[in-house]
Amino acid sequence: MTDDVTEADAHLDFDLEVEEDDVGEHAEAIPLGDPCLVVDDLHIVFRVFGGKSREQAEKSGAHVEKAAPPKKPFVKRLLGAGRQHVGAVSEVHAVRGVSFTARHGESIGIVGINGSGKSTLLRAVTGLIPPHSGSVFVDGEPALLGVNAALMPQMTGAKNIEIGGLALGMTPKQIDEKFDEVVEFADIGSFVDLPMKTYSSGMAARLRFAISSAAIPDILMVDEALATGDAAFKARSKARIEEVRQQAGTVFLVSHSISTIEAMCTRVLWMHQGKLVMDGPVEEVTAAYRQFVRAHRQARSGGRAGGTRRGRNGGKNKRKG
């Protein structure tokens, strides 16, 4: 572990409990192929304006630095004097110098507390966020599946299956052949003919997963989507992930459930404050991450359980009552 993981974070989000359907489950070891993804010294930086945005970013655990607003020519500054932003300007360094290589057939879990840069990393790999510096080399087409994946809420589930299939490069004929399978996998029944805005969060997440994995993508990236499904959907998802891997695809799984990572992955990346803290076998990384989480729990509960508090003059005052 590095010095970055010794600080007390304000907001943690994790689940150390072992889920019943994960007991005894382990990802099947299969022969790995050539590298399909190379991330080289990747940095992702967001520029935020205003004190409120800065405070929210700091609470999430992201690395925030003060930044000077971009300089403009004198004429533009003069013409736009009335519209210039006078609030604080900060840079959120969401991903900081991350490097790793993934191979065909791997199932890689990504763990870390809120604000560690997990989802940002996935979006950068799929090309949704441009890198500030560094490089991402991909062999194949990545498909990102997240709880906030954008479908068209005003359109029916059937229309979204068609649109999603076309976006994945499927032909209309292939979509027709996969249509019933997608509906059955998502378990939405007659709701397929209703607008998606009428769906529950679980139904929408199941449909997103069914669409994203229908074409067996080269790289499937799952961002917390399994957390909204029931045990039956989770079992179907495990089977689909194994099917992707058997066809030499690569799977990235972001989850706050450690038991899910242990049951479905062969390798784990641990992110903290934008940095890659650890990269290795499942048992080794999850054991270190569990230890880190427990240490944070003890530190936070210990601070609340104390019997003394420090007064304004710096002295200690006993709590009354």
C-alpha atoms as a PDB file:
ATOM      1  CA  MET A   1       0.000   0.000   0.000  1.00  0.00           C
ATOM      2  CA  THR A   2       1.037   3.593  -0.564  1.00  0.00           C
ATOM      3  CA  ASP A   3       0.708   6.752   1.512  1.00  0.00           C
ATOM      4  CA  ASP A   4      -2.434   7.611  -0.486  1.00  0.00           C
ATOM      5  CA  VAL A   5      -4.430   4.921   1.276  1.00  0.00           C
ATOM      6  CA  THR A   6      -3.551   5.945   4.829  1.00  0.00           C
ATOM      7  CA  GLU A   7      -5.715   9.072   4.879  1.00  0.00           C
ATOM      8  CA  ALA A   8      -9.205   9.026   6.387  1.00  0.00           C
ATOM      9  CA  ASP A   9     -11.791   9.431   3.615  1.00  0.00           C
ATOM     10  CA  ALA A  10     -15.068  11.175   4.338  1.00  0.00           C
ATOM     11  CA  HIS A  11     -17.316   8.977   2.160  1.00  0.00           C
ATOM     12  CA  LEU A  12     -16.771   5.250   1.716  1.00  0.00           C
ATOM     13  CA  ASP A  13     -18.969   2.895  -0.271  1.00  0.00           C
ATOM     14  CA  PHE A  14     -18.232  -0.817  -0.010  1.00  0.00           C
ATOM     15  CA  ASP A  15     -19.781  -4.164   0.836  1.00  0.00           C
ATOM     16  CA  LEU A  16     -17.599  -6.711   2.638  1.00  0.00           C
ATOM     17  CA  GLU A  17     -20.456  -9.149   3.251  1.00  0.00           C
ATOM     18  CA  VAL A  18     -20.337 -12.434   1.336  1.00  0.00           C
ATOM     19  CA  GLU A  19     -23.503 -12.837  -0.715  1.00  0.00           C
ATOM     20  CA  GLU A  20     -25.128 -16.267  -0.639  1.00  0.00           C
ATOM     21  CA  ASP A  21     -25.072 -16.724  -4.414  1.00  0.00           C
ATOM     22  CA  ASP A  22     -21.319 -15.971  -4.454  1.00  0.00           C
ATOM     23  CA  VAL A  23     -20.335 -18.675  -1.947  1.00  0.00           C
ATOM     24  CA  GLY A  24     -17.989 -21.181  -3.572  1.00  0.00           C
ATOM     25  CA  GLU A  25     -18.083 -19.362  -6.920  1.00  0.00           C
ATOM     26  CA  HIS A  26     -14.851 -18.616  -8.772  1.00  0.00           C
ATOM     27  CA  ALA A  27     -14.136 -17.446 -12.302  1.00  0.00           C
ATOM     28  CA  GLU A  28     -13.001 -20.276 -14.535  1.00  0.00           C
ATOM     29  CA  ALA A  29      -9.368 -20.124 -15.565  1.00  0.00           C
ATOM     30  CA  ILE A  30      -9.001 -20.158 -19.370  1.00  0.00           C
ATOM     31  CA  PRO A  31      -5.940 -19.742 -21.634  1.00  0.00           C
ATOM     32  CA  LEU A  32      -5.240 -16.058 -22.200  1.00  0.00           C
ATOM     33  CA  GLY A  33      -4.625 -14.509 -25.592  1.00  0.00           C
ATOM     34  CA  ASP A  34      -2.614 -11.537 -26.790  1.00  0.00           C
ATOM     35  CA  PRO A  35      -2.930  -8.078 -25.191  1.00  0.00           C
ATOM     36  CA  CYS A  36      -6.174  -6.340 -26.141  1.00  0.00           C
ATOM     37  CA  LEU A  37      -5.829  -3.160 -24.065  1.00  0.00           C
ATOM     38  CA  VAL A  38      -2.800  -1.101 -23.073  1.00  0.00           C
ATOM     39  CA  VAL A  39      -3.203   1.916 -20.769  1.00  0.00           C
ATOM     40  CA  ASP A  40       0.013   3.934 -20.586  1.00  0.00           C
ATOM     41  CA  ASP A  41       0.488   6.671 -17.943  1.00  0.00           C
ATOM     42  CA  LEU A  42      -3.117   7.844 -18.288  1.00  0.00           C
ATOM     43  CA  HIS A  43      -4.157  11.157 -16.710  1.00  0.00           C
ATOM     44  CA  ILE A  44      -7.738  12.498 -16.720  1.00  0.00           C
ATOM     45  CA  VAL A  45      -8.277  16.078 -15.497  1.00  0.00           C
ATOM     46  CA  PHE A  46     -11.593  17.930 -15.145  1.00  0.00           C
ATOM     47  CA  ARG A  47     -11.823  21.704 -14.706  1.00  0.00           C
ATOM     48  CA  VAL A  48     -14.545  22.802 -12.257  1.00  0.00           C
ATOM     49  CA  PHE A  49     -15.830  26.289 -11.475  1.00  0.00           C
ATOM     50  CA  GLY A  50     -17.205  27.572  -8.190  1.00  0.00           C
ATOM     51  CA  GLY A  51     -16.576  26.736  -4.557  1.00  0.00           C
ATOM     52  CA  LYS A  52     -19.555  24.373  -4.328  1.00  0.00           C
ATOM     53  CA  SER A  53     -18.290  22.121  -7.136  1.00  0.00           C
ATOM     54  CA  ARG A  54     -14.850  22.076  -5.538  1.00  0.00           C
ATOM     55  CA  GLU A  55     -16.293  21.093  -2.161  1.00  0.00           C
ATOM     56  CA  GLN A  56     -18.342  18.251  -3.682  1.00  0.00           C
ATOM     57  CA  ALA A  57     -15.291  16.927  -5.533  1.00  0.00           C
ATOM     58  CA  GLU A  58     -13.182  17.004  -2.352  1.00  0.00           C
ATOM     59  CA  LYS A  59     -15.892  15.167  -0.384  1.00  0.00           C
ATOM     60  CA  SER A  60     -15.938  12.393  -2.981  1.00  0.00           C
ATOM     61  CA  GLY A  61     -12.233  11.797  -2.329  1.00  0.00           C
ATOM     62  CA  ALA A  62     -10.957  13.153  -5.649  1.00  0.00           C
ATOM     63  CA  HIS A  63      -7.622  14.960  -5.862  1.00  0.00           C
ATOM     64  CA  VAL A  64      -8.396  18.679  -6.307  1.00  0.00           C
ATOM     65  CA  GLU A  65      -5.925  21.456  -7.058  1.00  0.00           C
ATOM     66  CA  LYS A  66      -6.348  25.192  -7.577  1.00  0.00           C
ATOM     67  CA  ALA A  67      -6.050  26.260 -11.199  1.00  0.00           C
ATOM     68  CA  ALA A  68      -5.783  29.554 -13.019  1.00  0.00           C
ATOM     69  CA  PRO A  69      -8.509  30.250 -15.603  1.00  0.00           C
ATOM     70  CA  PRO A  70      -7.314  30.004 -19.215  1.00  0.00           C
ATOM     71  CA  LYS A  71      -5.763  33.209 -20.479  1.00  0.00           C
ATOM     72  CA  LYS A  72      -7.514  35.022 -23.319  1.00  0.00           C
ATOM     73  CA  PRO A  73      -6.267  37.711 -25.699  1.00  0.00           C
ATOM     74  CA  PHE A  74      -6.784  41.282 -24.507  1.00  0.00           C
ATOM     75  CA  VAL A  75      -9.513  42.005 -27.082  1.00  0.00           C
ATOM     76  CA  LYS A  76     -11.571  38.946 -26.039  1.00  0.00           C
ATOM     77  CA  ARG A  77     -11.166  39.823 -22.371  1.00  0.00           C
ATOM     78  CA  LEU A  78     -12.322  43.376 -23.095  1.00  0.00           C
ATOM     79  CA  LEU A  79     -15.351  42.314 -25.155  1.00  0.00           C
ATOM     80  CA  GLY A  80     -16.372  39.644 -22.671  1.00  0.00           C
ATOM     81  CA  ALA A  81     -15.656  41.561 -19.472  1.00  0.00           C
ATOM     82  CA  GLY A  82     -19.280  41.404 -18.370  1.00  0.00           C
ATOM     83  CA  ARG A  83     -19.462  37.645 -18.850  1.00  0.00           C
ATOM     84  CA  GLN A  84     -16.214  36.587 -17.199  1.00  0.00           C
ATOM     85  CA  HIS A  85     -16.432  33.923 -14.494  1.00  0.00           C
ATOM     86  CA  VAL A  86     -15.361  35.327 -11.119  1.00  0.00           C
ATOM     87  CA  GLY A  87     -15.697  32.119  -9.050  1.00  0.00           C
ATOM     88  CA  ALA A  88     -12.967  29.729  -7.946  1.00  0.00           C
ATOM     89  CA  VAL A  89     -11.389  27.548 -10.619  1.00  0.00           C
ATOM     90  CA  SER A  90     -10.085  24.104  -9.678  1.00  0.00           C
ATOM     91  CA  GLU A  91      -8.777  21.037 -11.440  1.00  0.00           C
ATOM     92  CA  VAL A  92      -9.997  17.591 -10.405  1.00  0.00           C
ATOM     93  CA  HIS A  93      -7.291  15.046 -11.197  1.00  0.00           C
ATOM     94  CA  ALA A  94      -9.616  12.040 -11.510  1.00  0.00           C
ATOM     95  CA  VAL A  95      -7.065   9.555 -12.924  1.00  0.00           C
ATOM     96  CA  ARG A  96      -3.358   9.979 -12.168  1.00  0.00           C
ATOM     97  CA  GLY A  97      -0.701   8.066 -14.057  1.00  0.00           C
ATOM     98  CA  VAL A  98      -2.507   4.719 -14.431  1.00  0.00           C
ATOM     99  CA  SER A  99      -0.784   2.029 -16.510  1.00  0.00           C
ATOM    100  CA  PHE A 100      -1.741  -1.616 -17.093  1.00  0.00           C
ATOM    101  CA  THR A 101      -2.190  -4.217 -19.828  1.00  0.00           C
ATOM    102  CA  ALA A 102      -5.193  -6.518 -20.301  1.00  0.00           C
ATOM    103  CA  ARG A 103      -5.256  -9.722 -22.350  1.00  0.00           C
ATOM    104  CA  HIS A 104      -7.963 -11.511 -24.295  1.00  0.00           C
ATOM    105  CA  GLY A 105      -9.928 -13.823 -21.978  1.00  0.00           C
ATOM    106  CA  GLU A 106      -9.300 -11.960 -18.725  1.00  0.00           C
ATOM    107  CA  SER A 107     -12.034 -10.994 -16.264  1.00  0.00           C
ATOM    108  CA  ILE A 108     -10.738  -7.946 -14.380  1.00  0.00           C
ATOM    109  CA  GLY A 109     -12.433  -6.425 -11.351  1.00  0.00           C
ATOM    110  CA  ILE A 110     -11.917  -2.794 -10.338  1.00  0.00           C
ATOM    111  CA  VAL A 111     -12.388  -1.855  -6.671  1.00  0.00           C
ATOM    112  CA  GLY A 112     -12.030   1.365  -4.718  1.00  0.00           C
ATOM    113  CA  ILE A 113     -14.014   3.780  -2.581  1.00  0.00           C
ATOM    114  CA  ASN A 114     -16.157   6.565  -4.031  1.00  0.00           C
ATOM    115  CA  GLY A 115     -14.147   9.129  -5.965  1.00  0.00           C
ATOM    116  CA  SER A 116     -11.267   6.762  -6.698  1.00  0.00           C
ATOM    117  CA  GLY A 117     -11.627   7.100 -10.488  1.00  0.00           C
ATOM    118  CA  LYS A 118     -13.049   3.666 -11.384  1.00  0.00           C
ATOM    119  CA  SER A 119     -15.887   4.821 -13.651  1.00  0.00           C
ATOM    120  CA  THR A 120     -13.777   7.613 -15.140  1.00  0.00           C
ATOM    121  CA  LEU A 121     -11.142   5.043 -16.109  1.00  0.00           C
ATOM    122  CA  LEU A 122     -13.728   2.903 -17.920  1.00  0.00           C
ATOM    123  CA  ARG A 123     -15.107   5.902 -19.804  1.00  0.00           C
ATOM    124  CA  ALA A 124     -11.621   6.923 -20.871  1.00  0.00           C
ATOM    125  CA  VAL A 125     -10.914   3.419 -22.184  1.00  0.00           C
ATOM    126  CA  THR A 126     -14.106   3.468 -24.281  1.00  0.00           C
ATOM    127  CA  GLY A 127     -13.224   6.878 -25.708  1.00  0.00           C
ATOM    128  CA  LEU A 128     -16.003   8.822 -23.971  1.00  0.00           C
ATOM    129  CA  ILE A 129     -13.498  11.023 -22.101  1.00  0.00           C
ATOM    130  CA  PRO A 130     -10.355  12.354 -23.803  1.00  0.00           C
ATOM    131  CA  PRO A 131      -7.108  11.864 -21.851  1.00  0.00           C
ATOM    132  CA  HIS A 132      -5.297  14.895 -20.463  1.00  0.00           C
ATOM    133  CA  SER A 133      -2.063  13.004 -21.118  1.00  0.00           C
ATOM    134  CA  GLY A 134      -0.999   9.421 -21.651  1.00  0.00           C
ATOM    135  CA  SER A 135      -2.352   6.879 -24.134  1.00  0.00           C
ATOM    136  CA  VAL A 136      -4.982   4.140 -24.467  1.00  0.00           C
ATOM    137  CA  PHE A 137      -4.486   1.419 -27.101  1.00  0.00           C
ATOM    138  CA  VAL A 138      -7.453  -0.904 -27.751  1.00  0.00           C
ATOM    139  CA  ASP A 139      -7.638  -3.973 -29.977  1.00  0.00           C
ATOM    140  CA  GLY A 140     -11.354  -4.313 -30.705  1.00  0.00           C
ATOM    141  CA  GLU A 141     -14.531  -2.458 -29.803  1.00  0.00           C
ATOM    142  CA  PRO A 142     -15.279  -1.875 -26.087  1.00  0.00           C
ATOM    143  CA  ALA A 143     -18.900  -1.793 -24.893  1.00  0.00           C
ATOM    144  CA  LEU A 144     -19.584   0.130 -21.686  1.00  0.00           C
ATOM    145  CA  LEU A 145     -22.528  -0.938 -19.560  1.00  0.00           C
ATOM    146  CA  GLY A 146     -23.378   1.208 -16.541  1.00  0.00           C
ATOM    147  CA  VAL A 147     -26.359   2.007 -14.368  1.00  0.00           C
ATOM    148  CA  ASN A 148     -26.455   5.403 -16.078  1.00  0.00           C
ATOM    149  CA  ALA A 149     -25.927   4.096 -19.606  1.00  0.00           C
ATOM    150  CA  ALA A 150     -27.942   6.317 -21.910  1.00  0.00           C
ATOM    151  CA  LEU A 151     -30.899   4.724 -23.651  1.00  0.00           C
ATOM    152  CA  MET A 152     -33.984   6.620 -24.830  1.00  0.00           C
ATOM    153  CA  PRO A 153     -36.492   6.741 -21.927  1.00  0.00           C
ATOM    154  CA  GLN A 154     -39.319   8.079 -24.081  1.00  0.00           C
ATOM    155  CA  MET A 155     -39.012   5.125 -26.498  1.00  0.00           C
ATOM    156  CA  THR A 156     -40.178   1.562 -25.964  1.00  0.00           C
ATOM    157  CA  GLY A 157     -37.903  -1.231 -24.869  1.00  0.00           C
ATOM    158  CA  ALA A 158     -38.244  -2.789 -28.335  1.00  0.00           C
ATOM    159  CA  LYS A 159     -37.055   0.385 -30.029  1.00  0.00           C
ATOM    160  CA  ASN A 160     -34.131   0.655 -27.603  1.00  0.00           C
ATOM    161  CA  ILE A 161     -33.105  -2.917 -28.407  1.00  0.00           C
ATOM    162  CA  GLU A 162     -33.037  -1.960 -32.086  1.00  0.00           C
ATOM    163  CA  ILE A 163     -31.070   1.265 -31.481  1.00  0.00           C
ATOM    164  CA  GLY A 164     -28.644  -0.423 -29.076  1.00  0.00           C
ATOM    165  CA  GLY A 165     -28.029  -3.295 -31.482  1.00  0.00           C
ATOM    166  CA  LEU A 166     -27.281  -0.921 -34.340  1.00  0.00           C
ATOM    167  CA  ALA A 167     -24.886   1.017 -32.085  1.00  0.00           C
ATOM    168  CA  LEU A 168     -23.032  -2.240 -31.395  1.00  0.00           C
ATOM    169  CA  GLY A 169     -22.596  -2.846 -35.128  1.00  0.00           C
ATOM    170  CA  MET A 170     -25.291  -5.495 -35.520  1.00  0.00           C
ATOM    171  CA  THR A 171     -27.315  -5.714 -38.722  1.00  0.00           C
ATOM    172  CA  PRO A 172     -31.142  -5.447 -38.639  1.00  0.00           C
ATOM    173  CA  LYS A 173     -31.319  -9.190 -39.355  1.00  0.00           C
ATOM    174  CA  GLN A 174     -29.021 -10.000 -36.429  1.00  0.00           C
ATOM    175  CA  ILE A 175     -31.118  -7.775 -34.149  1.00  0.00           C
ATOM    176  CA  ASP A 176     -34.276  -9.633 -35.176  1.00  0.00           C
ATOM    177  CA  GLU A 177     -32.582 -12.956 -34.439  1.00  0.00           C
ATOM    178  CA  LYS A 178     -31.423 -11.787 -31.006  1.00  0.00           C
ATOM    179  CA  PHE A 179     -34.588  -9.880 -30.064  1.00  0.00           C
ATOM    180  CA  ASP A 180     -36.425 -12.650 -28.184  1.00  0.00           C
ATOM    181  CA  GLU A 181     -33.205 -13.691 -26.435  1.00  0.00           C
ATOM    182  CA  VAL A 182     -32.611 -10.124 -25.206  1.00  0.00           C
ATOM    183  CA  VAL A 183     -36.183  -9.791 -23.909  1.00  0.00           C
ATOM    184  CA  GLU A 184     -35.981 -13.170 -22.133  1.00  0.00           C
ATOM    185  CA  PHE A 185     -32.569 -12.366 -20.625  1.00  0.00           C
ATOM    186  CA  ALA A 186     -33.787  -8.978 -19.342  1.00  0.00           C
ATOM    187  CA  ASP A 187     -36.988 -10.605 -18.022  1.00  0.00           C
ATOM    188  CA  ILE A 188     -39.166  -7.600 -18.912  1.00  0.00           C
ATOM    189  CA  GLY A 189     -42.021  -9.506 -20.596  1.00  0.00           C
ATOM    190  CA  SER A 190     -44.784  -7.310 -22.034  1.00  0.00           C
ATOM    191  CA  PHE A 191     -43.008  -4.187 -20.766  1.00  0.00           C
ATOM    192  CA  VAL A 192     -40.900  -4.399 -23.920  1.00  0.00           C
ATOM    193  CA  ASP A 193     -43.713  -2.532 -25.696  1.00  0.00           C
ATOM    194  CA  LEU A 194     -43.870   0.263 -23.088  1.00  0.00           C
ATOM    195  CA  PRO A 195     -41.641   3.361 -22.851  1.00  0.00           C
ATOM    196  CA  MET A 196     -38.492   2.817 -20.787  1.00  0.00           C
ATOM    197  CA  LYS A 197     -39.449   5.704 -18.509  1.00  0.00           C
ATOM    198  CA  THR A 198     -42.086   3.363 -17.034  1.00  0.00           C
ATOM    199  CA  TYR A 199     -39.449   0.758 -16.070  1.00  0.00           C
ATOM    200  CA  SER A 200     -38.061   0.253 -12.593  1.00  0.00           C
ATOM    201  CA  SER A 201     -34.323   0.766 -12.122  1.00  0.00           C
ATOM    202  CA  GLY A 202     -33.819  -3.003 -12.023  1.00  0.00           C
ATOM    203  CA  MET A 203     -35.704  -3.591 -15.270  1.00  0.00           C
ATOM    204  CA  ALA A 204     -33.765  -0.827 -17.034  1.00  0.00           C
ATOM    205  CA  ALA A 205     -30.424  -2.204 -15.790  1.00  0.00           C
ATOM    206  CA  ARG A 206     -31.283  -5.732 -16.933  1.00  0.00           C
ATOM    207  CA  LEU A 207     -32.235  -4.472 -20.393  1.00  0.00           C
ATOM    208  CA  ARG A 208     -28.977  -2.490 -20.669  1.00  0.00           C
ATOM    209  CA  PHE A 209     -26.935  -5.561 -19.801  1.00  0.00           C
ATOM    210  CA  ALA A 210     -28.894  -7.748 -22.236  1.00  0.00           C
ATOM    211  CA  ILE A 211     -28.389  -5.255 -25.079  1.00  0.00           C
ATOM    212  CA  SER A 212     -24.707  -4.589 -24.357  1.00  0.00           C
ATOM    213  CA  SER A 213     -23.785  -8.265 -24.255  1.00  0.00           C
ATOM    214  CA  ALA A 214     -26.008  -9.420 -27.130  1.00  0.00           C
ATOM    215  CA  ALA A 215     -23.255  -9.084 -29.732  1.00  0.00           C
ATOM    216  CA  ILE A 216     -20.473 -10.626 -27.559  1.00  0.00           C
ATOM    217  CA  PRO A 217     -18.264  -7.507 -27.549  1.00  0.00           C
ATOM    218  CA  ASP A 218     -14.465  -7.652 -27.669  1.00  0.00           C
ATOM    219  CA  ILE A 219     -14.281  -5.813 -24.331  1.00  0.00           C
ATOM    220  CA  LEU A 220     -17.328  -5.701 -22.037  1.00  0.00           C
ATOM    221  CA  MET A 221     -17.215  -3.096 -19.266  1.00  0.00           C
ATOM    222  CA  VAL A 222     -19.798  -3.444 -16.502  1.00  0.00           C
ATOM    223  CA  ASP A 223     -20.099  -0.490 -14.122  1.00  0.00           C
ATOM    224  CA  GLU A 224     -22.189  -1.444 -11.063  1.00  0.00           C
ATOM    225  CA  ALA A 225     -25.053  -2.666 -13.258  1.00  0.00           C
ATOM    226  CA  LEU A 226     -25.260  -6.053 -11.495  1.00  0.00           C
ATOM    227  CA  ALA A 227     -26.064  -4.373  -8.170  1.00  0.00           C
ATOM    228  CA  THR A 228     -29.620  -3.597  -9.329  1.00  0.00           C
ATOM    229  CA  GLY A 229     -30.574  -7.159 -10.273  1.00  0.00           C
ATOM    230  CA  ASP A 230     -31.894 -10.126  -8.316  1.00  0.00           C
ATOM    231  CA  ALA A 231     -30.139 -13.460  -7.766  1.00  0.00           C
ATOM    232  CA  ALA A 232     -31.558 -15.001 -10.945  1.00  0.00           C
ATOM    233  CA  PHE A 233     -30.378 -12.083 -13.089  1.00  0.00           C
ATOM    234  CA  LYS A 234     -26.974 -12.195 -11.445  1.00  0.00           C
ATOM    235  CA  ALA A 235     -26.660 -15.899 -12.291  1.00  0.00           C
ATOM    236  CA  ARG A 236     -27.560 -15.208 -15.930  1.00  0.00           C
ATOM    237  CA  SER A 237     -25.047 -12.354 -15.983  1.00  0.00           C
ATOM    238  CA  LYS A 238     -22.278 -14.621 -14.684  1.00  0.00           C
ATOM    239  CA  ALA A 239     -23.038 -17.121 -17.430  1.00  0.00           C
ATOM    240  CA  ARG A 240     -22.987 -14.383 -20.080  1.00  0.00           C
ATOM    241  CA  ILE A 241     -19.668 -13.020 -18.795  1.00  0.00           C
ATOM    242  CA  GLU A 242     -18.150 -16.500 -18.982  1.00  0.00           C
ATOM    243  CA  GLU A 243     -19.502 -16.808 -22.538  1.00  0.00           C
ATOM    244  CA  VAL A 244     -17.775 -13.541 -23.480  1.00  0.00           C
ATOM    245  CA  ARG A 245     -14.480 -14.767 -21.985  1.00  0.00           C
ATOM    246  CA  GLN A 246     -14.727 -18.180 -23.681  1.00  0.00           C
ATOM    247  CA  GLN A 247     -14.904 -16.386 -27.023  1.00  0.00           C
ATOM    248  CA  ALA A 248     -11.662 -14.559 -26.160  1.00  0.00           C
ATOM    249  CA  GLY A 249     -13.400 -11.408 -25.020  1.00  0.00           C
ATOM    250  CA  THR A 250     -12.251  -9.355 -22.029  1.00  0.00           C
ATOM    251  CA  VAL A 251     -14.478  -8.253 -19.144  1.00  0.00           C
ATOM    252  CA  PHE A 252     -14.012  -5.328 -16.748  1.00  0.00           C
ATOM    253  CA  LEU A 253     -16.299  -5.320 -13.701  1.00  0.00           C
ATOM    254  CA  VAL A 254     -16.669  -2.362 -11.324  1.00  0.00           C
ATOM    255  CA  SER A 255     -18.450  -3.333  -8.117  1.00  0.00           C
ATOM    256  CA  HIS A 256     -18.564  -2.329  -4.452  1.00  0.00           C
ATOM    257  CA  SER A 257     -19.379  -5.954  -3.570  1.00  0.00           C
ATOM    258  CA  ILE A 258     -16.091  -7.724  -2.842  1.00  0.00           C
ATOM    259  CA  SER A 259     -17.718 -11.160  -2.976  1.00  0.00           C
ATOM    260  CA  THR A 260     -19.009 -10.444  -6.501  1.00  0.00           C
ATOM    261  CA  ILE A 261     -15.490  -9.483  -7.600  1.00  0.00           C
ATOM    262  CA  GLU A 262     -14.070 -12.658  -6.037  1.00  0.00           C
ATOM    263  CA  ALA A 263     -16.711 -14.841  -7.702  1.00  0.00           C
ATOM    264  CA  MET A 264     -16.501 -13.386 -11.219  1.00  0.00           C
ATOM    265  CA  CYS A 265     -12.929 -12.108 -11.753  1.00  0.00           C
ATOM    266  CA  THR A 266      -9.457 -13.558 -12.261  1.00  0.00           C
ATOM    267  CA  ARG A 267      -7.572 -10.311 -11.585  1.00  0.00           C
ATOM    268  CA  VAL A 268      -8.257  -7.112  -9.638  1.00  0.00           C
ATOM    269  CA  LEU A 269      -7.196  -3.463 -10.028  1.00  0.00           C
ATOM    270  CA  TRP A 270      -7.430  -1.362  -6.854  1.00  0.00           C
ATOM    271  CA  MET A 271      -7.897   2.364  -7.487  1.00  0.00           C
ATOM    272  CA  HIS A 272      -7.530   5.072  -4.824  1.00  0.00           C
ATOM    273  CA  GLN A 273      -7.617   8.845  -5.363  1.00  0.00           C
ATOM    274  CA  GLY A 274      -7.054   8.345  -9.075  1.00  0.00           C
ATOM    275  CA  LYS A 275      -3.996   6.127  -8.692  1.00  0.00           C
ATOM    276  CA  LEU A 276      -3.561   2.403  -9.300  1.00  0.00           C
ATOM    277  CA  VAL A 277      -2.585   1.151  -5.845  1.00  0.00           C
ATOM    278  CA  MET A 278      -2.470  -2.568  -6.574  1.00  0.00           C
ATOM    279  CA  ASP A 279      -2.797  -4.913  -9.574  1.00  0.00           C
ATOM    280  CA  GLY A 280      -2.696  -8.655  -9.114  1.00  0.00           C
ATOM    281  CA  PRO A 281      -4.511 -11.944  -8.386  1.00  0.00           C
ATOM    282  CA  VAL A 282      -7.989 -11.765  -6.878  1.00  0.00           C
ATOM    283  CA  GLU A 283      -7.146 -13.267  -3.479  1.00  0.00           C
ATOM    284  CA  GLU A 284      -4.108 -11.055  -2.938  1.00  0.00           C
ATOM    285  CA  VAL A 285      -5.697  -7.722  -3.896  1.00  0.00           C
ATOM    286  CA  THR A 286      -9.077  -8.277  -2.228  1.00  0.00           C
ATOM    287  CA  ALA A 287      -7.359  -9.319   1.019  1.00  0.00           C
ATOM    288  CA  ALA A 288      -5.371  -6.064   1.064  1.00  0.00           C
ATOM    289  CA  TYR A 289      -8.467  -4.035   0.151  1.00  0.00           C
ATOM    290  CA  ARG A 290     -10.519  -5.655   2.939  1.00  0.00           C
ATOM    291  CA  GLN A 291      -7.785  -4.763   5.425  1.00  0.00           C
ATOM    292  CA  PHE A 292      -7.777  -1.161   4.176  1.00  0.00           C
ATOM    293  CA  VAL A 293     -11.581  -0.876   4.460  1.00  0.00           C
ATOM    294  CA  ARG A 294     -11.646  -2.326   7.981  1.00  0.00           C
ATOM    295  CA  ALA A 295      -8.933   0.132   9.059  1.00  0.00           C
ATOM    296  CA  HIS A 296     -11.063   3.012   7.770  1.00  0.00           C
ATOM    297  CA  ARG A 297     -14.120   1.695   9.583  1.00  0.00           C
ATOM    298  CA  GLN A 298     -12.223   1.532  12.864  1.00  0.00           C
ATOM    299  CA  ALA A 299     -10.754   5.011  12.382  1.00  0.00           C
ATOM    300  CA  ARG A 300     -14.141   6.557  11.680  1.00  0.00           C
ATOM    301  CA  SER A 301     -16.003   4.752  14.495  1.00  0.00           C
ATOM    302  CA  GLY A 302     -13.192   5.510  16.941  1.00  0.00           C
ATOM    303  CA  GLY A 303     -13.503   9.229  16.253  1.00  0.00           C
ATOM    304  CA  ARG A 304     -17.226   9.171  17.040  1.00  0.00           C
ATOM    305  CA  ALA A 305     -16.914   7.025  20.163  1.00  0.00           C
ATOM    306  CA  GLY A 306     -14.434   9.249  22.022  1.00  0.00           C
ATOM    307  CA  GLY A 307     -15.410  10.641  25.428  1.00  0.00           C
ATOM    308  CA  THR A 308     -13.622  13.952  25.092  1.00  0.00           C
ATOM    309  CA  ARG A 309     -13.691  16.852  22.696  1.00  0.00           C
ATOM    310  CA  ARG A 310     -11.342  19.735  22.116  1.00  0.00           C
ATOM    311  CA  GLY A 311     -12.635  23.171  23.108  1.00  0.00           C
ATOM    312  CA  ARG A 312     -12.140  26.442  21.272  1.00  0.00           C
ATOM    313  CA  ASN A 313      -9.098  27.295  23.393  1.00  0.00           C
ATOM    314  CA  GLY A 314      -7.392  24.027  22.437  1.00  0.00           C
ATOM    315  CA  GLY A 315      -8.010  22.293  25.767  1.00  0.00           C
ATOM    316  CA  LYS A 316      -9.936  19.074  26.286  1.00  0.00           C
ATOM    317  CA  ASN A 317     -13.431  19.241  27.715  1.00  0.00           C
ATOM    318  CA  LYS A 318     -15.348  16.261  29.005  1.00  0.00           C
ATOM    319  CA  ARG A 319     -18.651  15.515  27.314  1.00  0.00           C
ATOM    320  CA  LYS A 320     -21.641  16.033  29.590  1.00  0.00           C
ATOM    321  CA  GLY A 321     -24.356  13.471  29.892  1.00  0.00           C
END
